[in-house]
C-alpha cells in the first residue's frame, strides 16, 4: 500500500493539471457569462465531492452507533474533516462566481446558499466537538450529530428543484442544460478532485491510526508505571 500511494499521487497530479488545462483553455466560453463561468469546474466538483464525503461520514457514523467500531469512527472523522474543506471551497467560489453574474456576493434568502452554509456549520460543529471534548460519550454524540447533519445534504441538493431560487438549475437533470464539451470537462474535473480527496483522506486516516496508537501506548505506559507504585505501598507499611 505504501508503494501505491506515490503512484496514485502522480496520477492525481497529472489529472489535476490536465483538468485545469481543459477548464481554462479547451472548454468553450459561455455565451452569457463569459469566462467567469469557468469557476464551475471547481465549484461544482467541490460540492459533489463534499456531498460524497458527508455520505461516507453518515454511513460510518451509523456503523459506529450500532457496532462501536473504531475504524468506522476514524473514517467518519476523516471524511468530515476533508468534506468541510471541500464545502469551504464551495462557499468561497460561490460568491466569487455570483458577484459578476448576479451583482451581489450573497443572497440571504436563497435556500440553496443558506442550506449549504448551515451544512458547513453543522460539520464544523462536529469537528469542534471532536477536537475539544474529551468525555467518554464524545464519539457517540459526534456520531449522532453527523447523522443529523446528513439530513441537510438532500435539502441542499434538491432545494433548487423544489424552491424558487437565484441559483441556476442543476447541470445534470432538474431542467438544466450544458454544452456536451463543458459537461465532459466538468466530469473530468470531478474525477481529478475525487482522486485528490481520496489521497487526502488516505493520508489523514493513516495519521489518525498512528495518533491513536500513540495515545494507546501512552495509556498503557501510564498504567504500567502506576502499578508498581501501588503494589509497593503494603510492603512499606509492613516494614514499619
Protein backbone atom coordinates (compact mmCIF):
# COMPACT_ATOMS: atom_id res chain seq x y z
CA UNK A 1 0.00 0.00 0.00
CA UNK A 2 2.89 2.37 0.71
CA UNK A 3 4.19 1.88 -2.84
CA UNK A 4 0.75 2.53 -4.28
CA UNK A 5 0.43 5.98 -2.69
CA UNK A 6 3.22 7.68 -4.74
CA UNK A 7 1.82 6.19 -7.93
CA UNK A 8 -1.67 7.47 -7.18
CA UNK A 9 -0.21 10.85 -6.23
CA UNK A 10 1.49 11.18 -9.62
CA UNK A 11 -1.67 10.11 -11.45
CA UNK A 12 -3.73 12.61 -9.43
CA UNK A 13 -1.29 15.44 -10.14
CA UNK A 14 -1.47 14.69 -13.85
CA UNK A 15 -5.27 14.58 -13.72
CA UNK A 16 -5.45 17.90 -11.87
CA UNK A 17 -3.09 19.57 -14.33
CA UNK A 18 -4.96 18.16 -17.34
CA UNK A 19 -8.33 19.17 -15.87
CA UNK A 20 -7.01 22.70 -15.26
CA UNK A 21 -5.86 22.93 -18.88
CA UNK A 22 -9.21 21.66 -20.12
CA UNK A 23 -11.12 24.09 -17.89
CA UNK A 24 -9.12 27.21 -18.78
CA UNK A 25 -8.17 26.55 -22.40
CA UNK A 26 -10.17 23.82 -24.10
CA UNK A 27 -13.68 24.32 -22.68
CA UNK A 28 -15.71 26.84 -24.71
CA UNK A 29 -16.61 30.22 -23.26
CA UNK A 30 -20.16 30.63 -22.01
CA UNK A 31 -22.16 32.93 -24.27
CA UNK A 32 -23.93 34.73 -21.40
CA UNK A 33 -21.45 34.73 -18.52
CA UNK A 34 -18.16 34.85 -20.34
CA UNK A 35 -15.02 33.32 -18.85
CA UNK A 36 -16.14 33.83 -15.26
CA UNK A 37 -18.33 30.74 -15.61
CA UNK A 38 -15.14 28.61 -15.57
CA UNK A 39 -15.36 28.71 -11.77
CA UNK A 40 -17.95 25.98 -12.27
CA UNK A 41 -15.12 23.48 -12.86
CA UNK A 42 -14.05 23.95 -9.24
CA UNK A 43 -17.34 24.97 -7.59
CA UNK A 44 -19.50 22.05 -8.71
CA UNK A 45 -16.90 19.23 -8.36
CA UNK A 46 -16.08 20.50 -4.87
CA UNK A 47 -19.77 20.40 -3.95
CA UNK A 48 -20.23 16.87 -5.31
CA UNK A 49 -17.10 15.68 -3.52
CA UNK A 50 -18.26 17.25 -0.25
CA UNK A 51 -21.66 15.56 -0.57
CA UNK A 52 -19.98 12.20 -1.17
CA UNK A 53 -17.70 12.63 1.85
CA UNK A 54 -20.63 13.61 4.05
CA UNK A 55 -22.46 10.50 2.85
CA UNK A 56 -19.44 8.40 3.86
CA UNK A 57 -19.43 10.20 7.20
CA UNK A 58 -23.12 9.36 7.66
CA UNK A 59 -22.64 5.65 6.88
CA UNK A 60 -19.57 5.37 9.10
CA UNK A 61 -21.36 7.18 11.95
CA UNK A 62 -24.33 4.81 11.75
CA UNK A 63 -21.96 1.83 11.78
CA UNK A 64 -20.21 3.24 14.84
CA UNK A 65 -23.51 3.81 16.67
CA UNK A 66 -24.51 0.21 16.01
CA UNK A 67 -21.20 -1.63 16.47
CA UNK A 68 -18.91 0.82 18.31
CA UNK A 69 -16.32 0.11 15.62
CA UNK A 70 -13.25 2.32 15.97
CA UNK A 71 -12.33 2.07 12.28
CA UNK A 72 -15.77 3.39 11.39
CA UNK A 73 -15.25 6.24 13.84
CA UNK A 74 -11.93 7.15 12.23
CA UNK A 75 -13.46 7.05 8.76
CA UNK A 76 -16.27 9.30 9.98
CA UNK A 77 -13.81 11.79 11.43
CA UNK A 78 -11.57 11.86 8.35
CA UNK A 79 -14.44 12.18 5.87
CA UNK A 80 -15.92 15.04 7.89
CA UNK A 81 -12.61 16.91 8.00
CA UNK A 82 -11.97 16.64 4.27
CA UNK A 83 -15.64 17.24 3.49
CA UNK A 84 -15.56 20.53 5.39
CA UNK A 85 -12.54 21.61 3.33
CA UNK A 86 -14.38 20.94 0.07
CA UNK A 87 -17.54 22.58 1.39
CA UNK A 88 -15.43 25.65 2.26
CA UNK A 89 -14.24 25.76 -1.35
CA UNK A 90 -17.89 25.74 -2.41
CA UNK A 91 -18.76 28.65 -0.10
CA UNK A 92 -15.76 30.66 -1.32
CA UNK A 93 -16.11 30.04 -5.06
CA UNK A 94 -19.89 30.56 -4.99
CA UNK A 95 -19.79 34.29 -4.09
CA UNK A 96 -16.81 34.81 -6.43
CA UNK A 97 -18.98 33.49 -9.23
CA UNK A 98 -22.14 35.24 -8.08
CA UNK A 99 -20.70 38.77 -7.81
CA UNK A 100 -20.10 39.40 -11.53
CA UNK A 101 -23.16 37.38 -12.63
CA UNK A 102 -25.82 38.39 -10.06
CA UNK A 103 -24.30 41.68 -8.99
CA UNK A 104 -24.21 40.58 -5.33
CA UNK A 105 -21.90 38.39 -3.27
CA UNK A 106 -24.65 36.58 -1.36
CA UNK A 107 -28.43 36.28 -1.49
CA UNK A 108 -29.57 35.75 2.13
CA UNK A 109 -33.00 34.43 1.15
CA UNK A 110 -31.65 31.87 -1.31
CA UNK A 111 -32.46 28.40 0.06
CA UNK A 112 -29.50 26.72 -1.70
CA UNK A 113 -26.96 29.18 -0.30
CA UNK A 114 -28.44 29.22 3.19
CA UNK A 115 -28.77 25.43 3.47
CA UNK A 116 -25.17 25.00 2.27
CA UNK A 117 -23.95 27.41 4.94
CA UNK A 118 -25.99 25.51 7.57
CA UNK A 119 -24.45 22.24 6.36
CA UNK A 120 -20.97 23.71 6.73
CA UNK A 121 -21.76 24.98 10.24
CA UNK A 122 -23.10 21.58 11.32
CA UNK A 123 -19.95 19.75 10.29
CA UNK A 124 -17.69 22.44 11.71
CA UNK A 125 -19.58 21.94 14.99
CA UNK A 126 -18.96 18.20 14.60
CA UNK A 127 -15.21 18.80 14.29
CA UNK A 128 -15.18 21.26 17.21
CA UNK A 129 -16.94 18.65 19.34
CA UNK A 130 -14.40 16.01 18.36
CA UNK A 131 -11.48 18.35 18.98
CA UNK A 132 -12.33 19.97 22.29
CA UNK A 133 -14.49 17.39 24.08
CA UNK A 134 -12.74 14.58 25.91
CA UNK A 135 -15.70 12.91 27.58
CA UNK A 136 -16.45 9.23 27.28
CA UNK A 137 -19.57 9.96 25.23
CA UNK A 138 -17.88 12.28 22.72
CA UNK A 139 -17.76 9.75 19.90
CA UNK A 140 -21.41 8.82 20.33
CA UNK A 141 -22.52 12.47 20.47
CA UNK A 142 -20.45 13.27 17.40
CA UNK A 143 -21.91 10.32 15.50
CA UNK A 144 -25.44 11.42 16.40
CA UNK A 145 -24.64 14.96 15.24
CA UNK A 146 -23.26 13.58 11.97
CA UNK A 147 -26.48 11.65 11.35
CA UNK A 148 -28.44 14.84 11.98
CA UNK A 149 -26.15 16.85 9.69
CA UNK A 150 -26.54 14.35 6.86
CA UNK A 151 -30.25 15.22 6.72
CA UNK A 152 -29.29 18.63 5.37
CA UNK A 153 -27.45 17.18 2.34
CA UNK A 154 -30.64 16.22 0.41
CA UNK A 155 -32.09 19.64 1.24
CA UNK A 156 -29.04 21.35 -0.25
CA UNK A 157 -29.08 19.21 -3.38
CA UNK A 158 -32.81 19.24 -4.11
CA UNK A 159 -33.53 22.80 -2.94
CA UNK A 160 -33.19 24.28 -6.43
CA UNK A 161 -35.59 21.66 -7.76
CA UNK A 162 -38.44 22.45 -5.40
CA UNK A 163 -37.92 26.12 -4.46
CA UNK A 164 -37.63 29.28 -6.49
CA UNK A 165 -34.06 30.47 -6.10
CA UNK A 166 -31.45 32.61 -7.81
CA UNK A 167 -29.15 29.63 -8.03
CA UNK A 168 -29.14 28.08 -11.53
CA UNK A 169 -30.75 24.73 -12.21
CA UNK A 170 -28.66 21.53 -11.91
CA UNK A 171 -26.37 20.96 -14.86
CA UNK A 172 -27.37 17.28 -14.86
CA UNK A 173 -31.12 16.70 -14.60
CA UNK A 174 -33.60 19.04 -12.96
CA UNK A 175 -34.21 21.09 -16.11
CA UNK A 176 -30.65 22.32 -16.53
CA UNK A 177 -28.61 22.01 -19.70
CA UNK A 178 -24.94 22.22 -20.66
CA UNK A 179 -22.82 22.04 -23.75
CA UNK A 180 -21.50 18.45 -24.06
CA UNK A 181 -17.93 19.77 -24.24
CA UNK A 182 -18.43 21.68 -20.99
CA UNK A 183 -20.00 18.63 -19.34
CA UNK A 184 -17.04 16.49 -20.39
CA UNK A 185 -14.60 18.92 -18.75
CA UNK A 186 -16.82 19.16 -15.66
CA UNK A 187 -16.84 15.39 -15.16
CA UNK A 188 -13.09 15.26 -15.78
CA UNK A 189 -12.57 17.93 -13.11
CA UNK A 190 -14.73 15.97 -10.70
CA UNK A 191 -12.68 12.83 -11.31
CA UNK A 192 -9.49 14.77 -10.60
CA UNK A 193 -10.86 16.25 -7.37
CA UNK A 194 -12.22 12.87 -6.29
CA UNK A 195 -8.75 11.38 -6.65
CA UNK A 196 -7.26 14.28 -4.73
CA UNK A 197 -9.86 13.95 -1.98
CA UNK A 198 -9.21 10.22 -1.75
CA UNK A 199 -5.47 10.79 -1.32
CA UNK A 200 -6.05 13.40 1.39
CA UNK A 201 -8.45 11.07 3.21
CA UNK A 202 -5.99 8.20 2.92
CA UNK A 203 -3.15 10.28 4.37
CA UNK A 204 -5.34 11.64 7.14
CA UNK A 205 -6.63 8.17 8.03
CA UNK A 206 -3.09 6.80 8.33
CA UNK A 207 -2.19 9.76 10.54
CA UNK A 208 -5.24 9.17 12.72
CA UNK A 209 -4.33 5.50 13.12
CA UNK A 210 -0.82 6.45 14.24
CA UNK A 211 -2.20 9.09 16.58
CA UNK A 212 -4.49 6.62 18.30
CA UNK A 213 -1.74 4.03 18.54
CA UNK A 214 0.49 6.58 20.26
CA UNK A 215 -2.31 7.55 22.65
CA UNK A 216 -2.96 3.89 23.44
CA UNK A 217 0.75 3.30 24.03
CA UNK A 218 0.91 6.28 26.41
CA UNK A 219 -2.14 4.99 28.25
CA UNK A 220 -0.64 1.53 28.62
CA UNK A 221 2.65 3.02 29.76
CA UNK A 222 0.86 5.11 32.38
CA UNK A 223 -0.95 2.05 33.69
CA UNK A 224 2.24 0.01 33.75
CA UNK A 225 4.12 2.79 35.51
CA UNK A 226 1.42 3.24 38.15
CA UNK A 227 1.04 -0.44 39.05
CA UNK A 228 4.38 -0.94 40.87
CA UNK A 229 3.88 2.19 42.98
CA UNK A 230 0.50 0.97 44.19
CA UNK A 231 1.86 -2.52 44.89
CA UNK A 232 4.76 -1.17 46.98
CA UNK A 233 2.51 0.58 49.48
CA UNK A 234 1.65 -2.53 51.57
CA UNK A 235 5.34 -3.50 51.65
CA UNK A 236 6.36 -0.12 53.04
CA UNK A 237 3.66 -0.28 55.68
CA UNK A 238 4.65 -3.80 56.62
CA UNK A 239 8.29 -2.89 57.10
CA UNK A 240 7.28 -0.32 59.67
